[in-house]
Amino acid sequence: MILLALFLSASLLIHSNVEKAKDQYVHSFPYRFNSPMMYYSKVRLRAVGDIMFHKGLQKYALTNPMGFKALFRNIKTEILEADISFANLESPIAKSFKPSGWPRFNGDPSVLPALKDTGFDILSTANNHTMDKKDKGVTETIEAIESVGIVPVGSIRKKDSPLRIIWKKGIKLGFLAFAEHTNKIPVPEGWPKVFILDVREDGTAESAIQLIKASKPSVDVLIVSYHFGGEYLLKPESYKRKVCHQLLEAGADVLLGHHPHVLQRGEKYVTKDGRECFIIYSLGNFVSGQVQRVLTYDSRHSKRCHYNDGAILDLQVVKGIGGTAIYKVGFIPTWTQVGRYKALLKTATPKKRKKFTRIAQALRIKPNRKDFSYHVINIQKELEGIRKGKSRGLRKLLEYRLKVIIDRFNPDKSPVVKKVRAIKSRKTRRKKRQRKLG
């Protein structure tokens, strides 16, 4: 008995330390959830924003010795720590077409093994670029995703179910995904089918509501990814909030927002029947070619900096005697770091440089001063790695962007921050006037 007690206490201690390590870089949202006090199962879901393969980004990945894995090498640990990892794949992956960037995307098939290796389990294929390679591209994308062991959701073939279910630790999680439109490219009436969030003039989305109502009884937790709203807006529109509330009232428990390409705040919502739900209005870009090369603190106010900002949503769900509920919600601030590709070549080993040259010649690509390197970073982890006195401009920039992301996701704190800044500004002006008078 004593040995058994020691074994159990050691196991609990190890488990506790593992959970603490996972929460090391997680910032909490300012919301509390009434989850069961006693629970026997807990699942950690991590979700990221848009993954877009612009021409320059694909060029970098295809000529890098690591391939597309180079984009995610610095964030892989954070994705693998989750029980389930979710992302919005905003590009077809169709083998019948050549890789292409905006405005008609098509990713190279080698990206999917890289996403699997990074730790992604489910990808949304419902977005405005789903039909970029027409219905053939939709079918080939679904097949390509499934071939590497990842679950696609949002577009289906005739044999597929719109509701994707993942069992994890005794909790049944269901996933649905919707897109507002497909860039005026008509969706076929037959198969494959893309689920459209048809928001009517009266502000309702009836078809999505009906599908959510039909899906909810089959799962413990229903997670819905939506791709709609205005682009580059830092705040969700009123109609968007109204539609989101309708989806939650219909039965959704968690809403994952995409499409604005910038971060928008989160919100706790309590339905009329008492369920506690959560909305993240936009997770921004996870990795894309929309970002700009920002290396100085002086560039911190640039509007395009918001395209570099990102976040990994960290959502924990528990199951106990009282049912299944959201336990805790947080986020890990991320940043897409952009550098000069030639600088990367200089630091490469002769063997890697030789491999790069061989690939570049095969693809008829010549690196020039306009080429960039891309990779996603955990801002806090990167700041820990920057020594004091080294890369001072980059350190100050990342500290500022970290503060911006935290303020964005904590709307209750933002007015306080603004008030403090206003008071400091008034004091500074008062001191300047006193100096002039003195």
Protein backbone atom coordinates (compact mmCIF):
# COMPACT_ATOMS: atom_id res chain seq x y z
CA MET A 1 0.00 0.00 0.00
CA ILE A 2 2.81 2.38 0.88
CA LEU A 3 4.55 1.65 -2.43
CA LEU A 4 1.28 2.20 -4.30
CA ALA A 5 0.73 5.52 -2.53
CA LEU A 6 4.30 6.62 -3.36
CA PHE A 7 3.83 5.59 -6.99
CA LEU A 8 0.55 7.55 -7.29
CA SER A 9 1.99 10.66 -5.65
CA ALA A 10 5.04 10.53 -7.95
CA SER A 11 2.76 10.13 -11.00
CA LEU A 12 0.64 13.12 -9.92
CA LEU A 13 3.75 15.22 -9.38
CA ILE A 14 5.13 14.35 -12.83
CA HIS A 15 1.74 15.09 -14.43
CA SER A 16 1.57 18.42 -12.59
CA ASN A 17 5.05 19.41 -13.79
CA VAL A 18 4.17 18.47 -17.38
CA GLU A 19 1.03 20.63 -17.26
CA LYS A 20 3.00 23.55 -15.79
CA ALA A 21 5.53 23.26 -18.63
CA LYS A 22 2.70 23.41 -21.18
CA ASP A 23 1.30 26.54 -19.50
CA GLN A 24 4.69 28.27 -19.34
CA TYR A 25 4.00 30.69 -22.21
CA VAL A 26 0.20 30.77 -21.99
CA HIS A 27 -1.53 34.07 -21.14
CA SER A 28 -5.03 33.73 -19.70
CA PHE A 29 -8.10 35.50 -21.02
CA PRO A 30 -9.93 37.59 -18.37
CA TYR A 31 -12.81 35.09 -18.11
CA ARG A 32 -13.69 32.40 -15.58
CA PHE A 33 -15.68 29.28 -16.44
CA ASN A 34 -17.82 27.21 -14.06
CA SER A 35 -16.35 23.83 -14.96
CA PRO A 36 -16.94 20.69 -12.82
CA MET A 37 -14.89 20.69 -9.59
CA MET A 38 -14.26 16.96 -9.98
CA TYR A 39 -13.37 15.79 -13.47
CA TYR A 40 -11.82 12.60 -14.79
CA SER A 41 -10.70 13.72 -18.24
CA LYS A 42 -9.12 16.86 -19.71
CA VAL A 43 -8.34 17.68 -23.34
CA ARG A 44 -6.15 20.55 -24.49
CA LEU A 45 -7.04 22.05 -27.89
CA ARG A 46 -4.70 24.49 -29.61
CA ALA A 47 -5.86 26.43 -32.66
CA VAL A 48 -4.03 28.83 -34.96
CA GLY A 49 -5.08 31.26 -37.67
CA ASP A 50 -4.59 31.42 -41.44
CA ILE A 51 -1.89 29.42 -43.20
CA MET A 52 -1.43 31.02 -46.63
CA PHE A 53 1.14 30.10 -49.24
CA HIS A 54 2.09 33.25 -51.10
CA LYS A 55 4.62 32.95 -53.90
CA GLY A 56 7.60 34.26 -51.92
CA LEU A 57 6.86 32.01 -48.97
CA GLN A 58 6.63 28.90 -51.17
CA LYS A 59 9.82 29.92 -52.94
CA TYR A 60 11.65 30.04 -49.61
CA ALA A 61 10.25 26.70 -48.41
CA LEU A 62 10.83 24.81 -51.67
CA THR A 63 14.48 25.89 -51.83
CA ASN A 64 15.22 25.36 -48.14
CA PRO A 65 16.92 22.08 -47.13
CA MET A 66 14.24 21.61 -44.44
CA GLY A 67 11.39 22.32 -46.87
CA PHE A 68 8.15 23.63 -45.35
CA LYS A 69 9.25 22.37 -41.94
CA ALA A 70 11.52 25.43 -41.82
CA LEU A 71 8.45 27.66 -41.41
CA PHE A 72 7.34 25.92 -38.21
CA ARG A 73 10.59 24.69 -36.67
CA ASN A 74 10.53 27.29 -33.86
CA ILE A 75 6.86 26.75 -32.93
CA LYS A 76 6.63 22.96 -33.29
CA THR A 77 6.88 22.25 -29.55
CA GLU A 78 3.87 24.44 -28.75
CA ILE A 79 1.73 22.64 -31.34
CA LEU A 80 2.79 19.13 -30.29
CA GLU A 81 1.99 19.85 -26.63
CA ALA A 82 -1.74 19.90 -27.45
CA ASP A 83 -3.99 16.84 -27.55
CA ILE A 84 -5.63 18.26 -30.70
CA SER A 85 -4.21 21.00 -32.94
CA PHE A 86 -6.33 22.94 -35.45
CA ALA A 87 -5.48 25.36 -38.28
CA ASN A 88 -7.16 27.12 -41.20
CA LEU A 89 -5.54 25.96 -44.45
CA GLU A 90 -6.27 28.88 -46.76
CA SER A 91 -5.03 27.30 -49.96
CA PRO A 92 -5.89 24.29 -52.11
CA ILE A 93 -3.26 21.52 -52.27
CA ALA A 94 -4.00 20.13 -55.72
CA LYS A 95 -1.40 17.91 -57.40
CA SER A 96 -2.85 18.51 -60.88
CA PHE A 97 -1.89 22.19 -60.73
CA LYS A 98 1.42 23.99 -60.31
CA PRO A 99 2.14 25.76 -57.01
CA SER A 100 0.89 29.36 -57.17
CA GLY A 101 0.38 32.35 -54.90
CA TRP A 102 -2.21 35.12 -54.64
CA PRO A 103 -4.83 35.63 -56.08
CA ARG A 104 -5.41 31.94 -56.98
CA PHE A 105 -3.51 29.90 -54.43
CA ASN A 106 -2.23 26.37 -54.73
CA GLY A 107 0.23 24.91 -52.24
CA ASP A 108 2.92 22.37 -53.02
CA PRO A 109 1.93 18.85 -51.80
CA SER A 110 5.07 18.69 -49.62
CA VAL A 111 3.48 21.17 -47.21
CA LEU A 112 1.09 18.56 -45.79
CA PRO A 113 3.76 16.18 -44.39
CA ALA A 114 5.34 19.28 -42.81
CA LEU A 115 2.04 20.23 -41.15
CA LYS A 116 1.62 16.66 -39.91
CA ASP A 117 5.17 16.65 -38.55
CA THR A 118 4.49 19.97 -36.78
CA GLY A 119 1.57 18.33 -34.98
CA PHE A 120 -1.63 19.47 -36.70
CA ASP A 121 -4.52 17.02 -36.46
CA ILE A 122 -7.38 18.83 -38.24
CA LEU A 123 -7.45 21.51 -40.96
CA SER A 124 -10.31 23.74 -42.05
CA THR A 125 -10.73 23.87 -45.83
CA ALA A 126 -13.72 26.25 -45.79
CA ASN A 127 -12.52 29.73 -46.77
CA ASN A 128 -12.63 32.23 -49.61
CA HIS A 129 -9.76 30.46 -51.43
CA THR A 130 -11.27 26.94 -51.30
CA MET A 131 -12.44 27.12 -54.93
CA ASP A 132 -9.25 28.68 -56.35
CA LYS A 133 -8.63 25.51 -58.39
CA LYS A 134 -12.33 24.76 -58.92
CA ASP A 135 -14.08 21.54 -57.87
CA LYS A 136 -11.15 19.33 -58.94
CA GLY A 137 -8.88 21.25 -56.60
CA VAL A 138 -11.34 20.80 -53.70
CA THR A 139 -11.46 17.02 -54.16
CA GLU A 140 -7.69 16.68 -54.55
CA THR A 141 -7.13 18.82 -51.44
CA ILE A 142 -9.37 16.59 -49.32
CA GLU A 143 -7.61 13.45 -50.61
CA ALA A 144 -4.15 14.96 -50.05
CA ILE A 145 -4.95 15.98 -46.46
CA GLU A 146 -6.37 12.56 -45.60
CA SER A 147 -3.37 10.80 -47.18
CA VAL A 148 -1.03 12.21 -44.49
CA GLY A 149 -3.37 11.36 -41.61
CA ILE A 150 -4.90 14.80 -41.00
CA VAL A 151 -8.67 15.37 -40.81
CA PRO A 152 -10.15 17.93 -43.25
CA VAL A 153 -13.34 19.84 -42.32
CA GLY A 154 -15.46 22.37 -44.22
CA SER A 155 -15.51 20.78 -47.67
CA ILE A 156 -16.66 17.22 -48.35
CA ARG A 157 -17.14 14.58 -51.02
CA LYS A 158 -20.37 12.62 -51.43
CA LYS A 159 -19.24 9.86 -49.05
CA ASP A 160 -18.13 12.27 -46.28
CA SER A 161 -20.02 13.62 -43.28
CA PRO A 162 -19.98 17.40 -42.66
CA LEU A 163 -19.38 16.76 -38.94
CA ARG A 164 -15.87 15.56 -38.18
CA ILE A 165 -15.56 13.76 -34.83
CA ILE A 166 -12.34 13.20 -32.88
CA TRP A 167 -12.33 11.05 -29.73
CA LYS A 168 -9.68 12.07 -27.23
CA LYS A 169 -9.36 10.84 -23.63
CA GLY A 170 -13.02 9.84 -23.50
CA ILE A 171 -14.27 13.23 -24.74
CA LYS A 172 -16.08 13.38 -28.08
CA LEU A 173 -15.18 16.59 -29.94
CA GLY A 174 -17.07 17.58 -33.09
CA PHE A 175 -15.82 20.03 -35.73
CA LEU A 176 -17.68 22.04 -38.38
CA ALA A 177 -16.35 24.77 -40.68
CA PHE A 178 -18.02 27.45 -42.80
CA ALA A 179 -16.94 30.13 -45.28
CA GLU A 180 -18.82 33.32 -46.10
CA HIS A 181 -17.97 33.18 -49.82
CA THR A 182 -15.49 31.75 -52.34
CA ASN A 183 -14.32 34.95 -54.09
CA LYS A 184 -17.22 34.85 -56.57
CA ILE A 185 -16.15 31.43 -57.87
CA PRO A 186 -19.37 29.38 -57.97
CA VAL A 187 -19.56 26.31 -55.77
CA PRO A 188 -20.85 23.23 -57.67
CA GLU A 189 -24.45 22.23 -56.90
CA GLY A 190 -23.44 18.59 -56.62
CA TRP A 191 -20.17 17.28 -55.18
CA PRO A 192 -17.72 18.22 -53.75
CA LYS A 193 -19.58 20.53 -51.38
CA VAL A 194 -18.22 23.59 -49.55
CA PHE A 195 -20.21 24.79 -46.54
CA ILE A 196 -21.21 28.42 -46.94
CA LEU A 197 -22.22 30.68 -44.05
CA ASP A 198 -25.07 32.33 -45.94
CA VAL A 199 -25.72 35.43 -43.83
CA ARG A 200 -29.07 36.88 -44.91
CA GLU A 201 -30.14 40.50 -44.99
CA ASP A 202 -31.86 40.08 -41.61
CA GLY A 203 -28.54 38.96 -40.09
CA THR A 204 -29.30 35.24 -39.76
CA ALA A 205 -27.41 32.21 -41.08
CA GLU A 206 -30.18 29.61 -41.25
CA SER A 207 -28.40 26.72 -43.03
CA ALA A 208 -25.43 26.86 -40.63
CA ILE A 209 -27.78 27.04 -37.63
CA GLN A 210 -29.69 23.95 -38.80
CA LEU A 211 -26.47 21.96 -39.32
CA ILE A 212 -25.19 22.94 -35.85
CA LYS A 213 -28.51 21.94 -34.23
CA ALA A 214 -28.36 18.55 -35.98
CA SER A 215 -24.71 17.98 -34.98
CA LYS A 216 -24.74 18.98 -31.32
CA PRO A 217 -26.52 15.88 -29.90
CA SER A 218 -23.80 13.62 -31.39
CA VAL A 219 -20.85 15.19 -29.50
CA ASP A 220 -19.75 16.41 -26.07
CA VAL A 221 -18.18 19.62 -27.41
CA LEU A 222 -18.96 21.26 -30.74
CA ILE A 223 -16.22 23.48 -32.22
CA VAL A 224 -17.14 25.61 -35.22
CA SER A 225 -14.63 27.38 -37.46
CA TYR A 226 -16.00 30.31 -39.44
CA HIS A 227 -14.33 32.34 -42.17
CA PHE A 228 -16.13 35.65 -42.57
CA GLY A 229 -16.15 39.35 -41.72
CA GLY A 230 -14.17 42.33 -43.00
CA GLU A 231 -10.45 42.02 -43.66
CA TYR A 232 -7.81 43.97 -41.69
CA LEU A 233 -10.31 45.21 -39.07
CA LEU A 234 -8.98 45.19 -35.52
CA LYS A 235 -12.47 44.94 -34.01
CA PRO A 236 -15.35 42.58 -34.96
CA GLU A 237 -18.32 44.22 -36.66
CA SER A 238 -21.69 44.27 -34.89
CA TYR A 239 -23.33 41.97 -37.48
CA LYS A 240 -20.49 39.48 -37.04
CA ARG A 241 -21.04 39.39 -33.29
CA LYS A 242 -24.78 38.90 -33.83
CA VAL A 243 -24.23 35.92 -36.15
CA CYS A 244 -21.70 34.37 -33.74
CA HIS A 245 -24.18 34.60 -30.87
CA GLN A 246 -26.81 32.86 -33.03
CA LEU A 247 -24.39 29.99 -33.76
CA LEU A 248 -23.70 29.56 -30.05
CA GLU A 249 -27.41 29.60 -29.21
CA ALA A 250 -27.90 26.89 -31.86
CA GLY A 251 -25.49 24.55 -30.05
CA ALA A 252 -21.88 25.50 -30.81
CA ASP A 253 -19.57 25.63 -27.77
CA VAL A 254 -16.46 27.22 -29.28
CA LEU A 255 -16.14 29.51 -32.32
CA LEU A 256 -12.79 29.90 -34.08
CA GLY A 257 -12.65 33.01 -36.29
CA HIS A 258 -10.58 33.48 -39.42
CA HIS A 259 -10.31 35.78 -42.48
CA PRO A 260 -9.49 39.30 -41.12
CA HIS A 261 -5.73 38.44 -41.20
CA VAL A 262 -5.30 40.43 -37.99
CA LEU A 263 -6.07 39.52 -34.39
CA GLN A 264 -9.48 40.29 -32.91
CA ARG A 265 -10.53 39.86 -29.29
CA GLY A 266 -12.09 36.90 -27.53
CA GLU A 267 -15.42 36.81 -25.73
CA LYS A 268 -17.16 34.60 -23.19
CA TYR A 269 -20.84 34.12 -24.00
CA VAL A 270 -23.50 32.49 -21.83
CA THR A 271 -26.43 31.07 -23.84
CA LYS A 272 -30.07 31.24 -22.81
CA ASP A 273 -29.93 27.63 -21.62
CA GLY A 274 -26.93 28.43 -19.38
CA ARG A 275 -24.05 26.98 -21.42
CA GLU A 276 -20.74 28.86 -21.14
CA CYS A 277 -19.20 29.30 -24.58
CA PHE A 278 -16.18 31.04 -26.05
CA ILE A 279 -15.57 33.03 -29.25
CA ILE A 280 -12.25 34.11 -30.67
CA TYR A 281 -13.30 36.55 -33.39
CA SER A 282 -10.04 36.26 -35.33
CA LEU A 283 -6.80 34.36 -34.81
CA GLY A 284 -5.01 36.45 -37.45
CA ASN A 285 -2.28 35.00 -39.65
CA PHE A 286 -0.28 32.03 -38.45
CA VAL A 287 2.09 32.13 -41.41
CA SER A 288 1.68 33.96 -44.70
CA GLY A 289 3.44 36.15 -47.25
CA GLN A 290 1.37 39.17 -46.20
CA VAL A 291 3.88 39.97 -43.48
CA GLN A 292 6.58 42.57 -43.85
CA ARG A 293 10.23 42.61 -42.85
CA VAL A 294 10.14 44.55 -39.59
CA LEU A 295 13.42 44.50 -37.70
CA THR A 296 13.49 47.86 -35.91
CA TYR A 297 11.64 49.32 -32.97
CA ASP A 298 10.93 52.43 -35.06
CA SER A 299 8.64 50.31 -37.29
CA ARG A 300 6.48 49.16 -34.36
CA HIS A 301 3.51 51.40 -35.28
CA SER A 302 3.32 50.21 -38.90
CA LYS A 303 -0.16 48.95 -39.81
CA ARG A 304 1.41 45.99 -41.55
CA CYS A 305 2.89 44.85 -38.23
CA HIS A 306 -0.58 43.52 -37.42
CA TYR A 307 -0.17 40.98 -40.27
CA ASN A 308 2.89 39.57 -38.48
CA ASP A 309 1.01 39.24 -35.18
CA GLY A 310 -0.53 35.88 -34.40
CA ALA A 311 -1.70 33.73 -31.51
CA ILE A 312 -2.15 30.10 -30.59
CA LEU A 313 -5.45 29.65 -28.79
CA ASP A 314 -5.05 27.30 -25.81
CA LEU A 315 -8.44 25.89 -24.76
CA GLN A 316 -8.91 23.18 -22.15
CA VAL A 317 -12.09 21.11 -21.93
CA VAL A 318 -12.92 18.83 -19.00
CA LYS A 319 -15.44 16.03 -18.50
CA GLY A 320 -16.82 15.20 -15.09
CA ILE A 321 -19.94 13.94 -13.35
CA GLY A 322 -21.81 17.14 -14.23
CA GLY A 323 -20.98 16.87 -17.96
CA THR A 324 -18.44 18.48 -20.27
CA ALA A 325 -17.43 22.14 -20.01
CA ILE A 326 -14.72 24.64 -20.88
CA TYR A 327 -12.13 24.67 -18.10
CA LYS A 328 -9.66 27.36 -19.08
CA VAL A 329 -8.86 29.55 -22.11
CA GLY A 330 -5.56 31.26 -22.89
CA PHE A 331 -3.26 32.18 -25.76
CA ILE A 332 0.39 32.11 -26.78
CA PRO A 333 1.48 35.26 -28.69
CA THR A 334 3.33 34.52 -31.95
CA TRP A 335 5.10 36.55 -34.60
CA THR A 336 6.11 35.75 -38.18
CA GLN A 337 9.77 36.67 -38.37
CA VAL A 338 10.96 37.72 -41.83
CA GLY A 339 14.63 37.91 -42.81
CA ARG A 340 16.82 38.16 -45.85
CA TYR A 341 17.27 34.79 -47.55
CA LYS A 342 20.83 35.52 -48.68
CA ALA A 343 21.83 35.97 -45.03
CA LEU A 344 20.55 32.44 -44.41
CA LEU A 345 22.71 31.09 -47.23
CA LYS A 346 25.86 32.65 -45.77
CA THR A 347 25.35 30.82 -42.47
CA ALA A 348 24.48 27.47 -44.14
CA THR A 349 27.00 24.63 -44.17
CA PRO A 350 28.65 23.80 -47.54
CA LYS A 351 26.60 20.59 -47.74
CA LYS A 352 23.29 22.45 -47.23
CA ARG A 353 24.36 25.21 -49.63
CA LYS A 354 25.11 22.59 -52.28
CA LYS A 355 21.69 20.98 -51.75
CA PHE A 356 20.01 24.39 -52.00
CA THR A 357 21.81 25.14 -55.29
CA ARG A 358 20.70 21.80 -56.77
CA ILE A 359 17.04 22.41 -55.80
CA ALA A 360 17.16 26.04 -56.97
CA GLN A 361 18.52 25.02 -60.37
CA ALA A 362 15.81 22.37 -60.77
CA LEU A 363 13.13 24.96 -59.98
CA ARG A 364 14.87 27.69 -62.00
CA ILE A 365 14.93 29.95 -58.95
CA LYS A 366 17.66 32.50 -58.31
CA PRO A 367 17.78 34.08 -54.86
CA ASN A 368 18.05 37.85 -54.96
CA ARG A 369 17.83 40.80 -52.59
CA LYS A 370 14.03 40.71 -52.70
CA ASP A 371 13.82 37.14 -51.37
CA PHE A 372 12.88 36.63 -47.73
CA SER A 373 13.01 33.84 -45.18
CA TYR A 374 9.95 33.15 -43.04
CA HIS A 375 9.39 31.38 -39.73
CA VAL A 376 6.86 31.56 -36.92
CA ILE A 377 8.17 32.23 -33.41
CA ASN A 378 6.83 32.16 -29.86
CA ILE A 379 7.49 35.80 -28.89
CA GLN A 380 8.24 35.15 -25.22
CA LYS A 381 10.53 32.22 -25.95
CA GLU A 382 12.37 34.32 -28.55
CA LEU A 383 12.80 37.16 -26.04
CA GLU A 384 14.31 34.72 -23.56
CA GLY A 385 16.81 33.67 -26.21
CA ILE A 386 17.90 37.22 -27.06
CA ARG A 387 20.74 38.13 -24.75
CA LYS A 388 20.75 41.50 -23.07
CA GLY A 389 22.60 44.04 -25.17
CA LYS A 390 22.27 41.92 -28.33
CA SER A 391 19.72 42.70 -31.07
CA ARG A 392 18.38 45.58 -28.98
CA GLY A 393 16.09 46.87 -31.75
CA LEU A 394 14.53 43.44 -32.35
CA ARG A 395 14.09 42.85 -28.62
CA LYS A 396 12.29 46.17 -28.12
CA LEU A 397 10.11 45.50 -31.17
CA LEU A 398 9.05 42.05 -29.93
CA GLU A 399 8.37 43.41 -26.44
CA TYR A 400 6.10 46.04 -27.97
CA ARG A 401 4.24 43.54 -30.20
CA LEU A 402 3.79 41.23 -27.20
CA LYS A 403 2.14 44.09 -25.31
CA VAL A 404 -0.08 44.88 -28.33
CA ILE A 405 -1.30 41.27 -28.57
CA ILE A 406 -1.98 41.02 -24.83
CA ASP A 407 -3.93 44.32 -24.92
CA ARG A 408 -5.91 43.11 -27.93
CA PHE A 409 -7.00 39.90 -26.21
CA ASN A 410 -7.71 41.56 -22.86
CA PRO A 411 -10.24 44.27 -23.76
CA ASP A 412 -11.08 44.90 -20.10
CA LYS A 413 -7.51 46.00 -19.47
CA SER A 414 -7.05 48.12 -22.57
CA PRO A 415 -9.03 51.18 -21.33
CA VAL A 416 -6.94 51.16 -18.15
CA VAL A 417 -3.76 51.09 -20.19
CA LYS A 418 -5.00 53.97 -22.33
CA LYS A 419 -5.97 55.97 -19.23
CA VAL A 420 -2.52 55.47 -17.66
CA ARG A 421 -0.87 56.56 -20.90
CA ALA A 422 -3.09 59.65 -21.06
CA ILE A 423 -2.19 60.60 -17.46
CA LYS A 424 1.53 60.17 -18.19
CA SER A 425 1.15 62.25 -21.35
CA ARG A 426 -0.54 65.08 -19.39
CA LYS A 427 2.19 65.01 -16.74
CA THR A 428 4.88 65.18 -19.44
CA ARG A 429 3.21 68.19 -21.08
CA ARG A 430 2.85 69.90 -17.70
CA LYS A 431 6.55 69.43 -16.96
CA LYS A 432 7.50 70.85 -20.36
CA ARG A 433 5.41 73.96 -19.73
CA GLN A 434 6.98 74.41 -16.29
CA ARG A 435 10.47 74.22 -17.81
CA LYS A 436 9.60 76.86 -20.38
CA LEU A 437 8.17 79.15 -17.69
CA GLY A 438 11.16 78.52 -15.42
